[in-house]
Every structure is written in C-alpha cells, then in structure tokens.
C-alpha atoms as a PDB file:
ATOM      1  CA  UNK A   1     -29.391   9.428  10.600  1.00  0.00           C
ATOM      2  CA  UNK A   2     -31.180   6.395   9.117  1.00  0.00           C
ATOM      3  CA  UNK A   3     -28.929   6.545   6.036  1.00  0.00           C
ATOM      4  CA  UNK A   4     -25.819   6.605   8.217  1.00  0.00           C
ATOM      5  CA  UNK A   5     -27.015   3.631  10.274  1.00  0.00           C
ATOM      6  CA  UNK A   6     -27.762   1.701   7.080  1.00  0.00           C
ATOM      7  CA  UNK A   7     -24.308   2.392   5.645  1.00  0.00           C
ATOM      8  CA  UNK A   8     -22.623   1.542   8.950  1.00  0.00           C
ATOM      9  CA  UNK A   9     -24.548  -1.741   9.179  1.00  0.00           C
ATOM     10  CA  UNK A  10     -23.650  -2.677   5.597  1.00  0.00           C
ATOM     11  CA  UNK A  11     -19.943  -1.918   6.092  1.00  0.00           C
ATOM     12  CA  UNK A  12     -19.836  -3.845   9.374  1.00  0.00           C
ATOM     13  CA  UNK A  13     -21.559  -6.895   7.866  1.00  0.00           C
ATOM     14  CA  UNK A  14     -19.437  -6.858   4.702  1.00  0.00           C
ATOM     15  CA  UNK A  15     -16.113  -6.586   6.532  1.00  0.00           C
ATOM     16  CA  UNK A  16     -16.961  -9.012   9.350  1.00  0.00           C
ATOM     17  CA  UNK A  17     -18.672 -11.627   7.212  1.00  0.00           C
ATOM     18  CA  UNK A  18     -21.914 -12.125   9.148  1.00  0.00           C
ATOM     19  CA  UNK A  19     -24.910 -10.281  10.535  1.00  0.00           C
ATOM     20  CA  UNK A  20     -24.185 -11.530  14.052  1.00  0.00           C
ATOM     21  CA  UNK A  21     -20.598 -10.222  14.002  1.00  0.00           C
ATOM     22  CA  UNK A  22     -21.824  -6.885  12.650  1.00  0.00           C
ATOM     23  CA  UNK A  23     -24.501  -6.776  15.345  1.00  0.00           C
ATOM     24  CA  UNK A  24     -21.906  -7.233  18.077  1.00  0.00           C
ATOM     25  CA  UNK A  25     -19.810  -4.426  16.608  1.00  0.00           C
ATOM     26  CA  UNK A  26     -22.833  -2.121  16.287  1.00  0.00           C
ATOM     27  CA  UNK A  27     -24.263  -3.219  19.665  1.00  0.00           C
ATOM     28  CA  UNK A  28     -27.672  -4.118  18.220  1.00  0.00           C
ATOM     29  CA  UNK A  29     -29.411  -7.377  17.275  1.00  0.00           C
ATOM     30  CA  UNK A  30     -28.733  -9.259  14.000  1.00  0.00           C
ATOM     31  CA  UNK A  31     -32.344  -8.628  12.990  1.00  0.00           C
ATOM     32  CA  UNK A  32     -31.792  -4.869  13.170  1.00  0.00           C
ATOM     33  CA  UNK A  33     -28.646  -5.169  11.036  1.00  0.00           C
ATOM     34  CA  UNK A  34     -30.622  -7.196   8.484  1.00  0.00           C
ATOM     35  CA  UNK A  35     -33.442  -4.637   8.362  1.00  0.00           C
ATOM     36  CA  UNK A  36     -30.993  -1.768   7.899  1.00  0.00           C
ATOM     37  CA  UNK A  37     -29.280  -3.532   5.007  1.00  0.00           C
ATOM     38  CA  UNK A  38     -32.662  -4.378   3.434  1.00  0.00           C
ATOM     39  CA  UNK A  39     -33.673  -0.716   3.686  1.00  0.00           C
ATOM     40  CA  UNK A  40     -30.381   0.409   2.151  1.00  0.00           C
ATOM     41  CA  UNK A  41     -30.695  -1.988  -0.790  1.00  0.00           C
ATOM     42  CA  UNK A  42     -34.310  -0.932  -1.343  1.00  0.00           C
ATOM     43  CA  UNK A  43     -33.380   2.747  -1.244  1.00  0.00           C
ATOM     44  CA  UNK A  44     -30.497   2.262  -3.697  1.00  0.00           C
ATOM     45  CA  UNK A  45     -32.424  -0.160  -5.917  1.00  0.00           C
ATOM     46  CA  UNK A  46     -29.521  -2.618  -6.068  1.00  0.00           C
ATOM     47  CA  UNK A  47     -28.463  -5.821  -4.310  1.00  0.00           C
ATOM     48  CA  UNK A  48     -25.284  -5.267  -2.278  1.00  0.00           C
ATOM     49  CA  UNK A  49     -24.957  -8.528  -0.368  1.00  0.00           C
ATOM     50  CA  UNK A  50     -25.806 -12.128  -1.181  1.00  0.00           C
ATOM     51  CA  UNK A  51     -26.955 -13.710   2.057  1.00  0.00           C
ATOM     52  CA  UNK A  52     -27.278 -17.397   2.957  1.00  0.00           C
ATOM     53  CA  UNK A  53     -27.632 -19.079   6.326  1.00  0.00           C
ATOM     54  CA  UNK A  54     -23.872 -19.716   6.346  1.00  0.00           C
ATOM     55  CA  UNK A  55     -22.157 -16.680   4.842  1.00  0.00           C
ATOM     56  CA  UNK A  56     -22.347 -13.276   3.245  1.00  0.00           C
ATOM     57  CA  UNK A  57     -20.741 -12.332  -0.059  1.00  0.00           C
ATOM     58  CA  UNK A  58     -20.532  -9.008  -1.848  1.00  0.00           C
ATOM     59  CA  UNK A  59     -22.047  -8.408  -5.256  1.00  0.00           C
ATOM     60  CA  UNK A  60     -20.027  -6.452  -7.822  1.00  0.00           C
ATOM     61  CA  UNK A  61     -21.991  -3.320  -6.917  1.00  0.00           C
ATOM     62  CA  UNK A  62     -21.573  -4.072  -3.225  1.00  0.00           C
ATOM     63  CA  UNK A  63     -17.793  -4.284  -3.537  1.00  0.00           C
ATOM     64  CA  UNK A  64     -17.578  -0.879  -5.237  1.00  0.00           C
ATOM     65  CA  UNK A  65     -19.992   0.657  -2.727  1.00  0.00           C
ATOM     66  CA  UNK A  66     -18.085  -0.798   0.238  1.00  0.00           C
ATOM     67  CA  UNK A  67     -14.869   0.977  -0.760  1.00  0.00           C
ATOM     68  CA  UNK A  68     -16.672   4.331  -0.824  1.00  0.00           C
ATOM     69  CA  UNK A  69     -18.444   3.597   2.471  1.00  0.00           C
ATOM     70  CA  UNK A  70     -15.203   2.701   4.234  1.00  0.00           C
ATOM     71  CA  UNK A  71     -13.576   5.923   3.083  1.00  0.00           C
ATOM     72  CA  UNK A  72     -16.574   8.003   4.205  1.00  0.00           C
ATOM     73  CA  UNK A  73     -16.792   6.332   7.622  1.00  0.00           C
ATOM     74  CA  UNK A  74     -13.071   6.762   8.192  1.00  0.00           C
ATOM     75  CA  UNK A  75     -13.144  10.426   7.139  1.00  0.00           C
ATOM     76  CA  UNK A  76     -16.063  11.045   9.484  1.00  0.00           C
ATOM     77  CA  UNK A  77     -14.283   9.366  12.397  1.00  0.00           C
ATOM     78  CA  UNK A  78     -11.175  11.435  11.771  1.00  0.00           C
ATOM     79  CA  UNK A  79     -13.215  14.648  11.561  1.00  0.00           C
ATOM     80  CA  UNK A  80     -14.920  13.872  14.876  1.00  0.00           C
ATOM     81  CA  UNK A  81     -11.603  13.054  16.510  1.00  0.00           C
ATOM     82  CA  UNK A  82     -10.025  16.266  15.258  1.00  0.00           C
ATOM     83  CA  UNK A  83     -12.794  18.330  16.868  1.00  0.00           C
ATOM     84  CA  UNK A  84     -13.303  16.405  20.089  1.00  0.00           C
ATOM     85  CA  UNK A  85      -9.700  15.640  20.987  1.00  0.00           C
ATOM     86  CA  UNK A  86      -8.545  19.230  20.775  1.00  0.00           C
ATOM     87  CA  UNK A  87      -5.198  19.571  22.477  1.00  0.00           C
ATOM     88  CA  UNK A  88      -4.960  15.968  23.689  1.00  0.00           C
ATOM     89  CA  UNK A  89      -1.551  14.488  22.925  1.00  0.00           C
ATOM     90  CA  UNK A  90      -1.088  11.170  21.155  1.00  0.00           C
ATOM     91  CA  UNK A  91      -0.251   8.373  23.589  1.00  0.00           C
ATOM     92  CA  UNK A  92      -0.267   4.607  23.946  1.00  0.00           C
ATOM     93  CA  UNK A  93       1.390   1.855  21.912  1.00  0.00           C
ATOM     94  CA  UNK A  94       1.548   1.810  18.105  1.00  0.00           C
ATOM     95  CA  UNK A  95       2.394  -1.342  16.135  1.00  0.00           C
ATOM     96  CA  UNK A  96       3.489  -0.721  12.536  1.00  0.00           C
ATOM     97  CA  UNK A  97       4.349  -3.203   9.783  1.00  0.00           C
ATOM     98  CA  UNK A  98       6.281  -2.459   6.581  1.00  0.00           C
ATOM     99  CA  UNK A  99       8.223  -4.279   3.840  1.00  0.00           C
ATOM    100  CA  UNK A 100      11.731  -5.058   5.046  1.00  0.00           C
ATOM    101  CA  UNK A 101      13.872  -3.095   2.591  1.00  0.00           C
ATOM    102  CA  UNK A 102      11.549  -0.119   2.246  1.00  0.00           C
ATOM    103  CA  UNK A 103      10.926  -0.124   5.980  1.00  0.00           C
ATOM    104  CA  UNK A 104      14.597   0.028   6.922  1.00  0.00           C
ATOM    105  CA  UNK A 105      15.251   2.983   4.661  1.00  0.00           C
ATOM    106  CA  UNK A 106      12.014   4.949   4.632  1.00  0.00           C
ATOM    107  CA  UNK A 107       9.767   3.904   7.531  1.00  0.00           C
ATOM    108  CA  UNK A 108      12.218   3.491  10.411  1.00  0.00           C
ATOM    109  CA  UNK A 109      13.496   7.106  10.128  1.00  0.00           C
ATOM    110  CA  UNK A 110       9.886   8.354  10.074  1.00  0.00           C
ATOM    111  CA  UNK A 111       9.104   6.287  13.178  1.00  0.00           C
ATOM    112  CA  UNK A 112      12.078   7.872  14.949  1.00  0.00           C
ATOM    113  CA  UNK A 113      10.921  11.378  13.992  1.00  0.00           C
ATOM    114  CA  UNK A 114       7.346  10.558  15.047  1.00  0.00           C
ATOM    115  CA  UNK A 115       8.499   9.356  18.480  1.00  0.00           C
ATOM    116  CA  UNK A 116      10.538  12.525  19.014  1.00  0.00           C
ATOM    117  CA  UNK A 117       7.434  14.592  18.330  1.00  0.00           C
ATOM    118  CA  UNK A 118       5.143  12.294  20.332  1.00  0.00           C
ATOM    119  CA  UNK A 119       7.136  11.141  23.377  1.00  0.00           C
ATOM    120  CA  UNK A 120       4.100   9.517  25.027  1.00  0.00           C
ATOM    121  CA  UNK A 121       3.810   6.955  22.215  1.00  0.00           C
ATOM    122  CA  UNK A 122       5.783   3.700  22.162  1.00  0.00           C
ATOM    123  CA  UNK A 123       6.234   1.888  18.848  1.00  0.00           C
ATOM    124  CA  UNK A 124       6.834  -1.652  17.638  1.00  0.00           C
ATOM    125  CA  UNK A 125       8.075  -1.712  14.035  1.00  0.00           C
ATOM    126  CA  UNK A 126       7.736  -5.092  12.299  1.00  0.00           C
ATOM    127  CA  UNK A 127       9.770  -5.273   9.078  1.00  0.00           C
ATOM    128  CA  UNK A 128       8.777  -8.259   6.952  1.00  0.00           C
ATOM    129  CA  UNK A 129       8.032  -9.051   3.323  1.00  0.00           C
ATOM    130  CA  UNK A 130       5.199 -11.446   4.144  1.00  0.00           C
ATOM    131  CA  UNK A 131       1.585 -10.265   4.045  1.00  0.00           C
ATOM    132  CA  UNK A 132       0.740  -9.482   7.653  1.00  0.00           C
ATOM    133  CA  UNK A 133      -2.724 -10.238   9.067  1.00  0.00           C
ATOM    134  CA  UNK A 134      -3.402  -6.927  10.781  1.00  0.00           C
ATOM    135  CA  UNK A 135      -6.378  -8.048  12.862  1.00  0.00           C
ATOM    136  CA  UNK A 136      -4.941 -11.317  14.163  1.00  0.00           C
ATOM    137  CA  UNK A 137      -1.476  -9.882  14.783  1.00  0.00           C
ATOM    138  CA  UNK A 138      -2.622  -6.676  16.461  1.00  0.00           C
ATOM    139  CA  UNK A 139      -1.073  -4.357  13.872  1.00  0.00           C
ATOM    140  CA  UNK A 140      -2.432  -0.816  13.947  1.00  0.00           C
ATOM    141  CA  UNK A 141      -1.070   0.277  10.581  1.00  0.00           C
ATOM    142  CA  UNK A 142       0.839  -1.351   7.713  1.00  0.00           C
ATOM    143  CA  UNK A 143       2.697   0.385   4.911  1.00  0.00           C
ATOM    144  CA  UNK A 144       2.159  -1.393   1.593  1.00  0.00           C
ATOM    145  CA  UNK A 145       3.213  -0.694  -1.976  1.00  0.00           C
ATOM    146  CA  UNK A 146       0.974  -1.558  -4.925  1.00  0.00           C
ATOM    147  CA  UNK A 147      -2.706  -2.296  -5.394  1.00  0.00           C
ATOM    148  CA  UNK A 148      -4.783  -3.180  -2.327  1.00  0.00           C
ATOM    149  CA  UNK A 149      -6.883  -6.338  -2.506  1.00  0.00           C
ATOM    150  CA  UNK A 150      -8.209  -6.882   1.033  1.00  0.00           C
ATOM    151  CA  UNK A 151     -11.642  -5.237   1.302  1.00  0.00           C
ATOM    152  CA  UNK A 152     -11.659  -5.669   5.100  1.00  0.00           C
ATOM    153  CA  UNK A 153      -8.941  -3.002   5.377  1.00  0.00           C
ATOM    154  CA  UNK A 154      -9.053   0.736   4.834  1.00  0.00           C
ATOM    155  CA  UNK A 155      -6.299   2.301   2.745  1.00  0.00           C
ATOM    156  CA  UNK A 156      -4.967   5.849   2.818  1.00  0.00           C
ATOM    157  CA  UNK A 157      -2.670   6.805  -0.052  1.00  0.00           C
ATOM    158  CA  UNK A 158       0.621   8.240   1.155  1.00  0.00           C
ATOM    159  CA  UNK A 159       2.382   8.875  -2.147  1.00  0.00           C
ATOM    160  CA  UNK A 160       3.603   7.197  -5.317  1.00  0.00           C
ATOM    161  CA  UNK A 161       6.665   5.181  -6.251  1.00  0.00           C
ATOM    162  CA  UNK A 162       8.016   4.096  -9.620  1.00  0.00           C
ATOM    163  CA  UNK A 163      10.488   1.459 -10.699  1.00  0.00           C
ATOM    164  CA  UNK A 164      13.401   2.060 -13.034  1.00  0.00           C
ATOM    165  CA  UNK A 165      15.794  -0.072 -15.073  1.00  0.00           C
ATOM    166  CA  UNK A 166      19.339   0.745 -13.958  1.00  0.00           C
ATOM    167  CA  UNK A 167      22.916  -0.277 -14.634  1.00  0.00           C
ATOM    168  CA  UNK A 168      26.363   0.991 -13.771  1.00  0.00           C
ATOM    169  CA  UNK A 169      28.155   3.296 -16.232  1.00  0.00           C
ATOM    170  CA  UNK A 170      30.793   0.563 -16.595  1.00  0.00           C
ATOM    171  CA  UNK A 171      28.258  -2.069 -17.627  1.00  0.00           C
ATOM    172  CA  UNK A 172      26.667   0.249 -20.199  1.00  0.00           C
ATOM    173  CA  UNK A 173      30.084   1.181 -21.608  1.00  0.00           C
ATOM    174  CA  UNK A 174      30.899  -2.511 -22.099  1.00  0.00           C
ATOM    175  CA  UNK A 175      27.526  -3.791 -23.308  1.00  0.00           C
ATOM    176  CA  UNK A 176      25.723  -0.775 -24.739  1.00  0.00           C
ATOM    177  CA  UNK A 177      22.513   1.003 -23.755  1.00  0.00           C
ATOM    178  CA  UNK A 178      19.161  -0.682 -24.507  1.00  0.00           C
ATOM    179  CA  UNK A 179      16.855   1.697 -26.357  1.00  0.00           C
ATOM    180  CA  UNK A 180      13.643  -0.397 -26.260  1.00  0.00           C
ATOM    181  CA  UNK A 181      12.363  -3.080 -23.864  1.00  0.00           C
ATOM    182  CA  UNK A 182      12.804  -5.685 -26.627  1.00  0.00           C
ATOM    183  CA  UNK A 183      16.560  -5.140 -26.429  1.00  0.00           C
ATOM    184  CA  UNK A 184      16.607  -6.433 -22.835  1.00  0.00           C
ATOM    185  CA  UNK A 185      16.831  -9.943 -24.314  1.00  0.00           C
ATOM    186  CA  UNK A 186      20.412  -9.176 -25.353  1.00  0.00           C
ATOM    187  CA  UNK A 187      21.461  -8.070 -21.859  1.00  0.00           C
ATOM    188  CA  UNK A 188      22.329  -9.732 -18.577  1.00  0.00           C
ATOM    189  CA  UNK A 189      19.280  -8.923 -16.431  1.00  0.00           C
ATOM    190  CA  UNK A 190      19.489  -9.386 -12.668  1.00  0.00           C
ATOM    191  CA  UNK A 191      16.109 -10.496 -11.361  1.00  0.00           C
ATOM    192  CA  UNK A 192      14.355 -11.774  -8.273  1.00  0.00           C
ATOM    193  CA  UNK A 193      13.938 -15.542  -8.229  1.00  0.00           C
ATOM    194  CA  UNK A 194      10.138 -15.334  -8.386  1.00  0.00           C
ATOM    195  CA  UNK A 195      10.130 -12.523 -10.934  1.00  0.00           C
ATOM    196  CA  UNK A 196       8.853 -13.632 -14.332  1.00  0.00           C
ATOM    197  CA  UNK A 197       9.525 -10.387 -16.129  1.00  0.00           C
ATOM    198  CA  UNK A 198       9.767  -6.631 -15.908  1.00  0.00           C
ATOM    199  CA  UNK A 199       6.696  -4.439 -16.346  1.00  0.00           C
ATOM    200  CA  UNK A 200       7.288  -1.698 -18.914  1.00  0.00           C
ATOM    201  CA  UNK A 201       5.393   0.046 -21.686  1.00  0.00           C
ATOM    202  CA  UNK A 202       5.599  -1.544 -25.117  1.00  0.00           C
ATOM    203  CA  UNK A 203       6.166   1.886 -26.640  1.00  0.00           C
ATOM    204  CA  UNK A 204       6.660   5.350 -25.220  1.00  0.00           C
ATOM    205  CA  UNK A 205       3.241   6.309 -23.831  1.00  0.00           C
ATOM    206  CA  UNK A 206       1.836   2.929 -24.918  1.00  0.00           C
ATOM    207  CA  UNK A 207       0.278  -0.048 -23.181  1.00  0.00           C
ATOM    208  CA  UNK A 208       1.966  -1.757 -20.244  1.00  0.00           C
ATOM    209  CA  UNK A 209       3.338  -5.256 -20.838  1.00  0.00           C
ATOM    210  CA  UNK A 210       5.437  -7.850 -19.061  1.00  0.00           C
ATOM    211  CA  UNK A 211       8.828  -8.419 -20.704  1.00  0.00           C
ATOM    212  CA  UNK A 212      10.602 -11.702 -20.075  1.00  0.00           C
ATOM    213  CA  UNK A 213      14.189 -11.222 -18.921  1.00  0.00           C
ATOM    214  CA  UNK A 214      17.071 -13.597 -18.347  1.00  0.00           C
ATOM    215  CA  UNK A 215      20.560 -13.428 -16.953  1.00  0.00           C
ATOM    216  CA  UNK A 216      23.342 -15.260 -15.225  1.00  0.00           C
ATOM    217  CA  UNK A 217      22.219 -14.387 -11.693  1.00  0.00           C
ATOM    218  CA  UNK A 218      18.938 -14.493  -9.739  1.00  0.00           C
ATOM    219  CA  UNK A 219      18.393 -13.725  -6.076  1.00  0.00           C
ATOM    220  CA  UNK A 220      15.326 -13.430  -3.862  1.00  0.00           C
ATOM    221  CA  UNK A 221      16.867 -10.441  -2.046  1.00  0.00           C
ATOM    222  CA  UNK A 222      16.524  -7.130  -3.880  1.00  0.00           C
ATOM    223  CA  UNK A 223      19.368  -5.556  -1.907  1.00  0.00           C
ATOM    224  CA  UNK A 224      21.763  -8.115  -3.393  1.00  0.00           C
ATOM    225  CA  UNK A 225      20.592  -7.298  -6.933  1.00  0.00           C
ATOM    226  CA  UNK A 226      21.176  -3.637  -6.154  1.00  0.00           C
ATOM    227  CA  UNK A 227      24.761  -4.372  -5.106  1.00  0.00           C
ATOM    228  CA  UNK A 228      25.379  -6.485  -8.204  1.00  0.00           C
ATOM    229  CA  UNK A 229      24.102  -3.692 -10.424  1.00  0.00           C
ATOM    230  CA  UNK A 230      26.491  -1.275  -8.705  1.00  0.00           C
ATOM    231  CA  UNK A 231      29.293  -3.765  -9.341  1.00  0.00           C
ATOM    232  CA  UNK A 232      28.564  -3.730 -13.077  1.00  0.00           C
ATOM    233  CA  UNK A 233      27.120  -7.246 -13.298  1.00  0.00           C
ATOM    234  CA  UNK A 234      24.055  -6.317 -15.339  1.00  0.00           C
ATOM    235  CA  UNK A 235      20.761  -4.439 -15.576  1.00  0.00           C
ATOM    236  CA  UNK A 236      18.361  -4.386 -12.633  1.00  0.00           C
ATOM    237  CA  UNK A 237      14.732  -3.265 -12.292  1.00  0.00           C
ATOM    238  CA  UNK A 238      14.584  -1.546  -8.929  1.00  0.00           C
ATOM    239  CA  UNK A 239      12.368   0.870  -7.045  1.00  0.00           C
ATOM    240  CA  UNK A 240      13.374   4.512  -7.058  1.00  0.00           C
ATOM    241  CA  UNK A 241      13.338   4.557  -3.252  1.00  0.00           C
ATOM    242  CA  UNK A 242      16.223   2.098  -3.337  1.00  0.00           C
ATOM    243  CA  UNK A 243      18.420   3.484  -6.137  1.00  0.00           C
ATOM    244  CA  UNK A 244      17.575   7.202  -6.097  1.00  0.00           C
ATOM    245  CA  UNK A 245      20.763   8.151  -4.248  1.00  0.00           C
ATOM    246  CA  UNK A 246      22.916   6.126  -6.649  1.00  0.00           C
ATOM    247  CA  UNK A 247      21.289   7.777  -9.653  1.00  0.00           C
ATOM    248  CA  UNK A 248      21.889  11.236  -8.192  1.00  0.00           C
ATOM    249  CA  UNK A 249      25.534  10.366  -7.468  1.00  0.00           C
ATOM    250  CA  UNK A 250      26.123   8.809 -10.898  1.00  0.00           C
ATOM    251  CA  UNK A 251      26.881   5.347  -9.531  1.00  0.00           C
ATOM    252  CA  UNK A 252      23.927   4.021 -11.530  1.00  0.00           C
ATOM    253  CA  UNK A 253      22.270   5.220 -14.734  1.00  0.00           C
ATOM    254  CA  UNK A 254      18.564   4.839 -15.545  1.00  0.00           C
ATOM    255  CA  UNK A 255      17.651   3.488 -18.979  1.00  0.00           C
ATOM    256  CA  UNK A 256      14.320   3.037 -20.790  1.00  0.00           C
ATOM    257  CA  UNK A 257      12.723   5.828 -18.723  1.00  0.00           C
ATOM    258  CA  UNK A 258      10.319   6.677 -21.541  1.00  0.00           C
ATOM    259  CA  UNK A 259       8.966   3.113 -21.292  1.00  0.00           C
ATOM    260  CA  UNK A 260       8.469   3.155 -17.508  1.00  0.00           C
ATOM    261  CA  UNK A 261       5.169   1.797 -16.190  1.00  0.00           C
ATOM    262  CA  UNK A 262       2.854   4.146 -14.241  1.00  0.00           C
ATOM    263  CA  UNK A 263       3.853   4.729 -10.607  1.00  0.00           C
ATOM    264  CA  UNK A 264       2.573   2.428  -7.882  1.00  0.00           C
ATOM    265  CA  UNK A 265       0.747   3.764  -4.864  1.00  0.00           C
ATOM    266  CA  UNK A 266       2.245   3.721  -1.373  1.00  0.00           C
ATOM    267  CA  UNK A 267      -0.530   3.117   1.159  1.00  0.00           C
ATOM    268  CA  UNK A 268      -1.118   3.023   4.880  1.00  0.00           C
ATOM    269  CA  UNK A 269      -3.683   0.312   5.581  1.00  0.00           C
ATOM    270  CA  UNK A 270      -5.511  -0.341   8.824  1.00  0.00           C
ATOM    271  CA  UNK A 271      -8.557  -2.315  10.017  1.00  0.00           C
ATOM    272  CA  UNK A 272     -11.997  -0.777   9.645  1.00  0.00           C
ATOM    273  CA  UNK A 273     -12.763   1.060  12.875  1.00  0.00           C
ATOM    274  CA  UNK A 274     -15.427   3.444  14.061  1.00  0.00           C
ATOM    275  CA  UNK A 275     -12.744   5.809  15.358  1.00  0.00           C
ATOM    276  CA  UNK A 276      -9.048   5.673  14.454  1.00  0.00           C
ATOM    277  CA  UNK A 277      -6.804   6.191  17.523  1.00  0.00           C
ATOM    278  CA  UNK A 278      -5.089   9.569  17.565  1.00  0.00           C
ATOM    279  CA  UNK A 279      -1.596   8.013  17.575  1.00  0.00           C
ATOM    280  CA  UNK A 280      -2.397   6.110  14.354  1.00  0.00           C
ATOM    281  CA  UNK A 281      -3.919   9.130  12.654  1.00  0.00           C
ATOM    282  CA  UNK A 282      -0.981  11.392  13.555  1.00  0.00           C
ATOM    283  CA  UNK A 283       1.522   8.798  12.315  1.00  0.00           C
ATOM    284  CA  UNK A 284      -0.299   8.364   8.991  1.00  0.00           C
ATOM    285  CA  UNK A 285      -0.492  12.133   8.525  1.00  0.00           C
ATOM    286  CA  UNK A 286       3.278  12.370   9.099  1.00  0.00           C
ATOM    287  CA  UNK A 287       3.966   9.681   6.487  1.00  0.00           C
ATOM    288  CA  UNK A 288       1.631  11.358   4.022  1.00  0.00           C
ATOM    289  CA  UNK A 289       3.388  14.719   4.432  1.00  0.00           C
ATOM    290  CA  UNK A 290       6.771  13.086   3.778  1.00  0.00           C
ATOM    291  CA  UNK A 291       5.967  10.599   1.020  1.00  0.00           C
ATOM    292  CA  UNK A 292       3.643  12.986  -0.788  1.00  0.00           C
ATOM    293  CA  UNK A 293       6.509  15.438  -1.366  1.00  0.00           C
ATOM    294  CA  UNK A 294       8.239  14.691  -4.727  1.00  0.00           C
ATOM    295  CA  UNK A 295      11.406  16.335  -3.403  1.00  0.00           C
ATOM    296  CA  UNK A 296      11.704  13.586  -0.824  1.00  0.00           C
ATOM    297  CA  UNK A 297      12.164  11.006  -3.583  1.00  0.00           C
ATOM    298  CA  UNK A 298      14.309  13.248  -5.760  1.00  0.00           C
ATOM    299  CA  UNK A 299      12.002  12.999  -8.766  1.00  0.00           C
END
C-alpha cells in the first residue's frame, strides 16, 4: 500500500507540476506528498524530481519512470472498473478529438457504430489538425498519429499506420518508375507546404533518412495532393489510410515499398485520471479492436 501511495503521489506531482496541486488531487497535504516522494526516491536509490520553491521538473530517470507509472495506474483503474461496474451501461457525454482527414474517414464511422451500441452516450467529435489541449478544452479522448510527447497525457496504442509513395499508372507510364529514393529528384513530387522532405530508408532494410523533394505544386491540404496524384500530376507521399482503396482498385500504384519507413503508431490519448469513465474505456476498446486488425487497413 505504501508503494502504491508513493507512486500515485509521484505521478500526480509530475503531471500537475506542483506538490500543492498533487495534494489537492490526492486529498492530502503537500507535506504528505513530499514525504511520499522522498520515500520513493530513497527506496529506488535515484532522484526522480528536481524540486525548487517555484516548480518541479523531471530528471531523465523520472521521465522514464513516469511513463511506466502512468500505464500501471491506468491499467489498475481499468481493472477495478471492469470488476465493480459489472453490467452497468456506458452513459453520459463523450468528447473526442481527431485529425481532420483521418477523423472523417476512420473515426466518424467508429463513433457512429459506438453510439448505436451505447445509446445512452452522446458524443461531440472535434475534427481539427491543431494540437488540442485536452484538459483546458474538456476533451475526454484524442486520436493521434505518431510519437507522443506530452508526459501529462496517457496513451493507449490502437494500431499502426504506414505511409507510401504513390502515383497514377498514367504518370508512371509517362515518367517512369523510381527504383530508389535518390531518383525522386527527377520526378514531380506533390508535397505539403510545410513538408521539407519524405521519410524513407536509404536502402532496403537500412537507416531512415529524410529525402528532399521538389515539384511544381505544393498544398497544405493532403486531400488535394491525393486528388492531384489520382489525376496523374506527380508522386505523392500519403498515409495508407487515405490511399488504400485507390491502391486496391488500381487507381494508384505504390512505389519504393522496400524503402518505406517503419509504421507510425495510432494512439488514443487522455488526461491522467484515477479512474477512466466507462464510456471512454469502451470507446477506446472499440477503436483498438478495429484499428488493430490488419484486414481493416488492407495490408
């Protein structure tokens, strides 16, 4: 029990930024939080937090330990909920955020299916490409693609997604097929305005590198690049979730597959909580069952 209280105090202080904020969350005094963290650091033989009168900051060891603690606390909360809630149905309001393009195609249909199975839950789906502040904007769960950087959030991996270089059969017939990433320099590459290059392996099975690309057209909307690729305007580096149907139908052709970078993770992220609401947990489980199935993506 003492070990659990120490870990809980450390996680609360690290994610909330102060002993007083952690004390309010744990419903104890700041002095008790401080003593629990001191005892934890003494037991582990390592400094986890650097404390001044103004702020707390994590050490390198503390950052690594926090990620494990958050996962353990979340798993424990879910286990308790699974036992204690029994046959209680999910209810209440759920606010979900997701990237705009991915959300329209792959989150909105899952929200609709979730609501059919859980009629007592209402949902707000916020589709935006900006980085949403979950705590300040009251978001219960956000779907994000790529590495997670915010240590104040808990992430649950839902599946994996990879990106592919594609072009129309017409474009490849007119301009040839690139056989190595270096040959991209000779092609018209359609890229996002802020994109500085495409991430591919330097050699099959080799190290990942960023390859500079150039072309006659840039756009900050990936859906437009997708349409231009279909129209035969050039090569595009797009996510499989976006172009999978076109590849299966032959409207687009993937090139340089042997040089593809490792897949990126698809995550559900949510604020650190002692107990995750049932509606959030059920929704995340539904996403995990769908996105974790390779057949869903047509791999």
